[in-house]
N, C-alpha and C. Protein backbone atom coordinates (compact mmCIF):
# COMPACT_ATOMS: atom_id res chain seq x y z
N MET A 1 0.72 -1.18 0.02
CA MET A 1 0.11 0.02 -0.04
C MET A 1 0.84 1.24 -0.03
N PHE A 2 2.07 1.16 0.53
CA PHE A 2 2.86 2.49 0.44
C PHE A 2 3.48 2.48 -0.84
N VAL A 3 3.57 1.67 -1.84
CA VAL A 3 4.18 1.86 -3.15
C VAL A 3 3.28 2.59 -4.05
N THR A 4 1.98 2.36 -3.90
CA THR A 4 1.13 2.95 -4.91
C THR A 4 1.21 4.58 -4.95
N PRO A 5 1.01 5.30 -3.82
CA PRO A 5 1.24 6.86 -3.97
C PRO A 5 2.39 7.12 -4.58
N ALA A 6 3.54 6.40 -4.31
CA ALA A 6 4.86 6.83 -5.02
C ALA A 6 4.77 6.77 -6.63
N TYR A 7 4.15 5.72 -7.02
CA TYR A 7 3.87 5.51 -8.33
C TYR A 7 3.11 6.66 -8.96
N ALA A 8 1.89 7.06 -8.26
CA ALA A 8 1.07 8.02 -8.80
C ALA A 8 1.80 9.40 -8.89
N GLN A 9 2.67 9.66 -7.91
CA GLN A 9 3.35 10.90 -7.91
C GLN A 9 4.29 10.94 -9.08
N ALA A 10 5.11 9.81 -9.42
CA ALA A 10 6.06 9.94 -10.44
C ALA A 10 5.13 10.11 -11.85
N ALA A 11 4.08 9.47 -12.03
CA ALA A 11 3.32 9.52 -13.26
C ALA A 11 2.82 10.95 -13.44
N GLY A 12 2.66 11.61 -12.42
CA GLY A 12 2.02 13.06 -12.60
C GLY A 12 2.96 13.94 -13.07
N ASN A 13 4.20 13.78 -12.70
CA ASN A 13 5.33 14.71 -13.36
C ASN A 13 5.71 14.54 -14.61
N ALA A 14 5.66 13.16 -15.16
CA ALA A 14 5.84 12.82 -16.46
C ALA A 14 4.68 13.30 -17.40
N GLY A 15 3.39 13.38 -16.76
CA GLY A 15 2.19 13.63 -17.58
C GLY A 15 2.28 15.19 -18.06
N ALA A 16 3.01 15.97 -17.31
CA ALA A 16 2.93 17.48 -17.79
C ALA A 16 3.67 17.66 -19.07
N GLY A 17 4.80 16.94 -19.24
CA GLY A 17 5.52 16.92 -20.39
C GLY A 17 4.70 16.31 -21.61
N ALA A 18 4.15 15.14 -21.37
CA ALA A 18 3.41 14.67 -22.20
C ALA A 18 2.15 15.44 -22.70
N ALA A 19 1.41 16.19 -21.92
CA ALA A 19 0.44 17.00 -22.12
C ALA A 19 0.73 18.07 -23.14
N PHE A 20 1.98 18.59 -22.86
CA PHE A 20 2.52 19.65 -23.82
C PHE A 20 2.83 19.14 -25.12
N ALA A 21 3.52 17.90 -25.22
CA ALA A 21 3.61 17.16 -26.44
C ALA A 21 2.42 17.02 -27.16
N GLN A 22 1.32 16.78 -26.59
CA GLN A 22 0.00 16.40 -27.36
C GLN A 22 -0.47 17.78 -28.00
N PHE A 23 0.03 18.90 -27.51
CA PHE A 23 -0.56 20.26 -28.11
C PHE A 23 0.29 20.73 -29.22
N ILE A 24 1.38 20.27 -29.30
CA ILE A 24 2.34 20.56 -30.42
C ILE A 24 1.74 20.35 -32.01
N PRO A 25 1.07 19.22 -32.13
CA PRO A 25 0.29 18.93 -33.42
C PRO A 25 -0.73 19.99 -33.72
N LEU A 26 -1.49 20.36 -32.56
CA LEU A 26 -2.46 21.39 -32.68
C LEU A 26 -1.97 22.79 -33.05
N ILE A 27 -0.84 23.25 -32.28
CA ILE A 27 -0.22 24.44 -32.71
C ILE A 27 0.40 24.52 -34.01
N LEU A 28 0.92 23.34 -34.70
CA LEU A 28 1.42 23.22 -36.01
C LEU A 28 0.12 23.37 -36.93
N ILE A 29 -0.75 22.74 -36.61
CA ILE A 29 -2.04 22.76 -37.50
C ILE A 29 -2.49 24.11 -37.61
N PHE A 30 -2.65 24.86 -36.54
CA PHE A 30 -3.07 26.39 -36.59
C PHE A 30 -2.05 27.23 -37.40
N ALA A 31 -0.85 26.87 -37.09
CA ALA A 31 0.14 27.83 -37.95
C ALA A 31 0.04 27.65 -39.48
N ILE A 32 -0.21 26.33 -39.80
CA ILE A 32 -0.24 26.05 -41.27
C ILE A 32 -1.38 26.71 -41.78
N MET A 33 -2.67 26.61 -41.12
CA MET A 33 -3.95 27.22 -41.60
C MET A 33 -3.72 28.77 -41.62
N TYR A 34 -2.92 29.22 -40.74
CA TYR A 34 -2.84 30.71 -40.80
C TYR A 34 -2.06 31.10 -41.96
N PHE A 35 -0.94 30.53 -42.35
CA PHE A 35 -0.12 30.98 -43.45
C PHE A 35 -0.74 30.33 -44.74
N LEU A 36 -1.61 29.47 -44.98
CA LEU A 36 -2.10 28.96 -46.26
C LEU A 36 -3.54 29.59 -46.27
N MET A 37 -4.28 29.96 -45.27
CA MET A 37 -5.68 30.32 -45.63
C MET A 37 -5.94 31.66 -45.04
N ILE A 38 -5.66 32.01 -43.74
CA ILE A 38 -6.12 33.14 -43.01
C ILE A 38 -5.37 34.38 -43.67
N ARG A 39 -4.04 34.24 -43.77
CA ARG A 39 -3.31 35.38 -44.19
C ARG A 39 -3.50 35.66 -45.60
N PRO A 40 -3.55 34.90 -46.54
CA PRO A 40 -3.79 35.24 -47.94
C PRO A 40 -5.27 35.84 -48.03
N GLN A 41 -6.20 35.35 -47.26
CA GLN A 41 -7.45 35.98 -47.39
C GLN A 41 -7.44 37.59 -46.80
N GLN A 42 -6.66 37.78 -45.90
CA GLN A 42 -6.45 39.29 -45.25
C GLN A 42 -5.94 39.91 -46.35
N LYS A 43 -5.02 39.53 -47.29
CA LYS A 43 -4.25 40.24 -48.28
C LYS A 43 -5.35 40.61 -49.25
N ARG A 44 -6.22 39.51 -49.63
CA ARG A 44 -7.13 39.97 -50.64
C ARG A 44 -8.17 40.96 -50.20
N VAL A 45 -8.59 40.98 -49.05
CA VAL A 45 -9.55 41.82 -48.45
C VAL A 45 -8.90 43.29 -48.39
N LYS A 46 -7.65 43.35 -48.11
CA LYS A 46 -6.91 44.73 -48.05
C LYS A 46 -6.85 45.21 -49.50
N GLN A 47 -6.44 44.46 -50.45
CA GLN A 47 -6.51 44.75 -51.89
C GLN A 47 -7.65 45.25 -52.45
N HIS A 48 -8.96 44.50 -52.13
CA HIS A 48 -10.14 44.92 -52.48
C HIS A 48 -10.54 46.26 -52.03
N ARG A 49 -10.24 46.51 -50.62
CA ARG A 49 -10.55 47.67 -49.82
C ARG A 49 -9.76 48.98 -50.79
N GLU A 50 -8.57 48.85 -51.00
CA GLU A 50 -7.79 49.82 -51.73
C GLU A 50 -8.43 50.10 -53.07
N MET A 51 -8.76 48.87 -53.91
CA MET A 51 -9.30 49.19 -55.31
C MET A 51 -10.66 49.91 -55.15
N VAL A 52 -11.43 49.59 -54.20
CA VAL A 52 -12.74 50.26 -53.95
C VAL A 52 -12.49 51.61 -53.77
N SER A 53 -11.70 51.95 -52.79
CA SER A 53 -11.39 53.40 -52.36
C SER A 53 -10.75 54.24 -53.45
N ALA A 54 -10.04 53.71 -54.45
CA ALA A 54 -9.42 54.32 -55.54
C ALA A 54 -10.25 54.56 -56.66
N LEU A 55 -11.54 54.06 -56.83
CA LEU A 55 -12.29 54.36 -57.84
C LEU A 55 -12.63 55.69 -58.06
N LYS A 56 -12.86 55.93 -59.37
CA LYS A 56 -13.11 57.29 -59.84
C LYS A 56 -13.73 57.47 -60.97
N LYS A 57 -14.40 58.57 -61.35
CA LYS A 57 -15.22 58.73 -62.48
C LYS A 57 -14.56 58.30 -63.74
N GLY A 58 -15.12 57.66 -64.61
CA GLY A 58 -14.60 57.31 -65.80
C GLY A 58 -13.98 55.69 -65.70
N ASP A 59 -13.88 55.22 -64.60
CA ASP A 59 -13.26 53.73 -64.51
C ASP A 59 -14.39 52.77 -64.99
N HIS A 60 -13.83 51.79 -65.75
CA HIS A 60 -14.79 50.59 -66.25
C HIS A 60 -14.81 49.59 -65.23
N VAL A 61 -15.82 49.30 -64.74
CA VAL A 61 -15.96 48.18 -63.63
C VAL A 61 -16.93 47.10 -63.93
N VAL A 62 -16.61 46.01 -63.14
CA VAL A 62 -17.41 44.92 -63.18
C VAL A 62 -17.95 44.69 -61.85
N THR A 63 -19.41 44.46 -61.44
CA THR A 63 -19.80 44.37 -60.21
C THR A 63 -19.99 42.81 -59.92
N GLN A 64 -20.20 42.51 -58.66
CA GLN A 64 -20.29 41.17 -58.32
C GLN A 64 -21.47 40.44 -58.96
N GLY A 65 -22.58 41.22 -59.47
CA GLY A 65 -23.71 40.79 -60.05
C GLY A 65 -23.44 40.52 -61.50
N GLY A 66 -22.14 41.09 -62.14
CA GLY A 66 -21.87 40.77 -63.45
C GLY A 66 -22.31 41.87 -64.33
N ILE A 67 -22.53 43.10 -63.77
CA ILE A 67 -22.81 44.28 -64.55
C ILE A 67 -21.56 44.94 -65.00
N ILE A 68 -21.31 45.34 -66.19
CA ILE A 68 -20.10 45.98 -66.57
C ILE A 68 -20.60 47.32 -66.96
N GLY A 69 -19.79 48.34 -66.56
CA GLY A 69 -20.13 49.69 -66.86
C GLY A 69 -19.13 50.65 -66.52
N LYS A 70 -19.42 51.87 -66.83
CA LYS A 70 -18.50 53.05 -66.64
C LYS A 70 -18.95 53.84 -65.45
N VAL A 71 -18.10 54.14 -64.48
CA VAL A 71 -18.49 54.90 -63.37
C VAL A 71 -18.84 56.41 -63.86
N ALA A 72 -20.11 56.79 -63.47
CA ALA A 72 -20.51 58.14 -64.10
C ALA A 72 -20.25 59.13 -62.71
N SER A 73 -20.55 58.59 -61.63
CA SER A 73 -20.39 59.66 -60.45
C SER A 73 -19.86 58.78 -59.17
N VAL A 74 -19.24 59.50 -58.30
CA VAL A 74 -18.84 58.64 -56.90
C VAL A 74 -19.22 59.50 -55.88
N ARG A 75 -19.83 58.81 -54.88
CA ARG A 75 -20.54 59.34 -53.78
C ARG A 75 -19.78 58.74 -52.53
N ASP A 76 -20.19 58.84 -51.37
CA ASP A 76 -19.52 58.20 -50.37
C ASP A 76 -19.61 56.72 -50.32
N GLU A 77 -20.68 55.99 -50.23
CA GLU A 77 -20.78 54.64 -50.28
C GLU A 77 -21.31 54.00 -51.44
N GLU A 78 -21.60 54.84 -52.39
CA GLU A 78 -22.17 54.38 -53.52
C GLU A 78 -21.59 54.76 -54.88
N LEU A 79 -21.83 54.22 -55.99
CA LEU A 79 -21.35 54.71 -57.29
C LEU A 79 -22.59 54.75 -58.29
N GLU A 80 -22.54 55.67 -59.17
CA GLU A 80 -23.40 55.58 -60.35
C GLU A 80 -22.56 55.02 -61.44
N VAL A 81 -23.16 54.09 -62.08
CA VAL A 81 -22.46 53.17 -63.12
C VAL A 81 -23.47 53.44 -64.26
N GLU A 82 -22.86 53.66 -65.55
CA GLU A 82 -23.73 53.79 -66.59
C GLU A 82 -23.25 52.56 -67.58
N ILE A 83 -24.44 51.64 -67.63
CA ILE A 83 -24.32 50.49 -68.43
C ILE A 83 -24.62 50.54 -69.75
N ALA A 84 -25.44 51.53 -70.21
CA ALA A 84 -25.62 51.84 -71.70
C ALA A 84 -25.71 53.38 -71.56
N THR A 85 -25.95 53.81 -72.92
CA THR A 85 -25.96 55.30 -73.05
C THR A 85 -27.53 55.72 -72.54
N GLY A 86 -27.09 56.65 -71.43
CA GLY A 86 -28.36 57.23 -70.83
C GLY A 86 -28.96 56.26 -69.88
N VAL A 87 -28.40 55.02 -69.57
CA VAL A 87 -28.95 54.12 -68.42
C VAL A 87 -27.98 54.16 -67.33
N LYS A 88 -28.34 54.47 -66.16
CA LYS A 88 -27.45 54.60 -64.88
C LYS A 88 -27.95 53.92 -63.88
N VAL A 89 -27.15 53.13 -63.17
CA VAL A 89 -27.47 52.27 -61.93
C VAL A 89 -26.76 52.62 -60.91
N ARG A 90 -27.39 52.81 -59.76
CA ARG A 90 -26.57 53.03 -58.43
C ARG A 90 -26.24 51.67 -57.92
N VAL A 91 -24.85 51.61 -57.43
CA VAL A 91 -24.41 50.36 -56.94
C VAL A 91 -23.66 50.68 -55.65
N ILE A 92 -23.54 49.80 -54.75
CA ILE A 92 -22.58 50.00 -53.44
C ILE A 92 -21.23 49.81 -53.89
N ARG A 93 -20.43 50.56 -53.24
CA ARG A 93 -18.99 50.47 -53.56
C ARG A 93 -18.37 49.22 -53.52
N SER A 94 -18.83 48.38 -52.46
CA SER A 94 -18.07 47.11 -52.26
C SER A 94 -18.52 46.05 -53.05
N THR A 95 -19.57 46.21 -53.75
CA THR A 95 -20.00 45.20 -54.78
C THR A 95 -19.09 45.32 -56.19
N VAL A 96 -18.21 46.30 -56.18
CA VAL A 96 -17.43 46.29 -57.42
C VAL A 96 -16.32 45.26 -57.17
N SER A 97 -16.27 44.23 -58.19
CA SER A 97 -15.30 43.25 -57.94
C SER A 97 -14.00 43.33 -58.74
N GLN A 98 -14.20 44.18 -59.81
CA GLN A 98 -12.98 44.27 -60.69
C GLN A 98 -13.03 45.65 -61.53
N VAL A 99 -11.74 46.26 -61.60
CA VAL A 99 -11.70 47.38 -62.39
C VAL A 99 -11.14 47.14 -63.74
N LEU A 100 -11.76 47.04 -64.86
CA LEU A 100 -11.30 46.63 -66.24
C LEU A 100 -10.30 47.79 -66.74
N ASN A 101 -10.69 49.04 -66.91
CA ASN A 101 -9.74 50.03 -67.46
C ASN A 101 -9.90 51.27 -66.50
N LYS A 102 -8.71 51.63 -65.83
CA LYS A 102 -8.65 52.78 -65.02
C LYS A 102 -8.35 54.00 -65.97
N THR A 103 -9.02 55.10 -65.64
CA THR A 103 -8.88 56.34 -66.36
C THR A 103 -7.43 56.96 -65.93
N GLU A 104 -6.70 57.45 -66.84
CA GLU A 104 -5.57 57.95 -66.64
C GLU A 104 -5.59 59.33 -66.28
N PRO A 105 -4.94 60.03 -65.21
CA PRO A 105 -5.04 61.38 -65.03
C PRO A 105 -4.61 62.20 -66.08
N VAL A 106 -5.07 63.35 -66.31
CA VAL A 106 -4.86 64.15 -67.59
C VAL A 106 -3.46 64.89 -67.11
N ALA A 107 -2.52 64.88 -67.99
CA ALA A 107 -1.21 65.52 -67.81
C ALA A 107 -1.48 66.99 -68.06
N ALA A 108 -0.61 67.67 -67.39
CA ALA A 108 -0.70 69.15 -67.55
C ALA A 108 0.10 69.41 -68.72
N ASN A 109 -0.48 70.31 -69.60
CA ASN A 109 0.27 70.79 -70.80
C ASN A 109 1.39 71.78 -70.32
N ALA A 110 2.51 71.68 -71.02
CA ALA A 110 3.54 72.47 -70.39
C ALA A 110 3.74 73.71 -71.43
């Protein structure tokens, strides 16, 4: 009966190192998921945010709904996109998925 508590104490100390060793695969899986999934998605979101904030009048855009048009006017959170001559549609800025042709700034004549 005196030997049983001694074995229990020795096993408890070794269990702490084994418990940490069990978490190492979980930590590695999280690190791999971060670098393969989370970080690239954050970069795409940042690029989209920059693209949407840089929209200006005259840019040719494609919306998430597939509408292709030319930006007629820019407001705070919405754009007016001309999809045909005289046909304008208001869309939310964040629904623009791609800029086809950016308008070039007019160079100052020297």
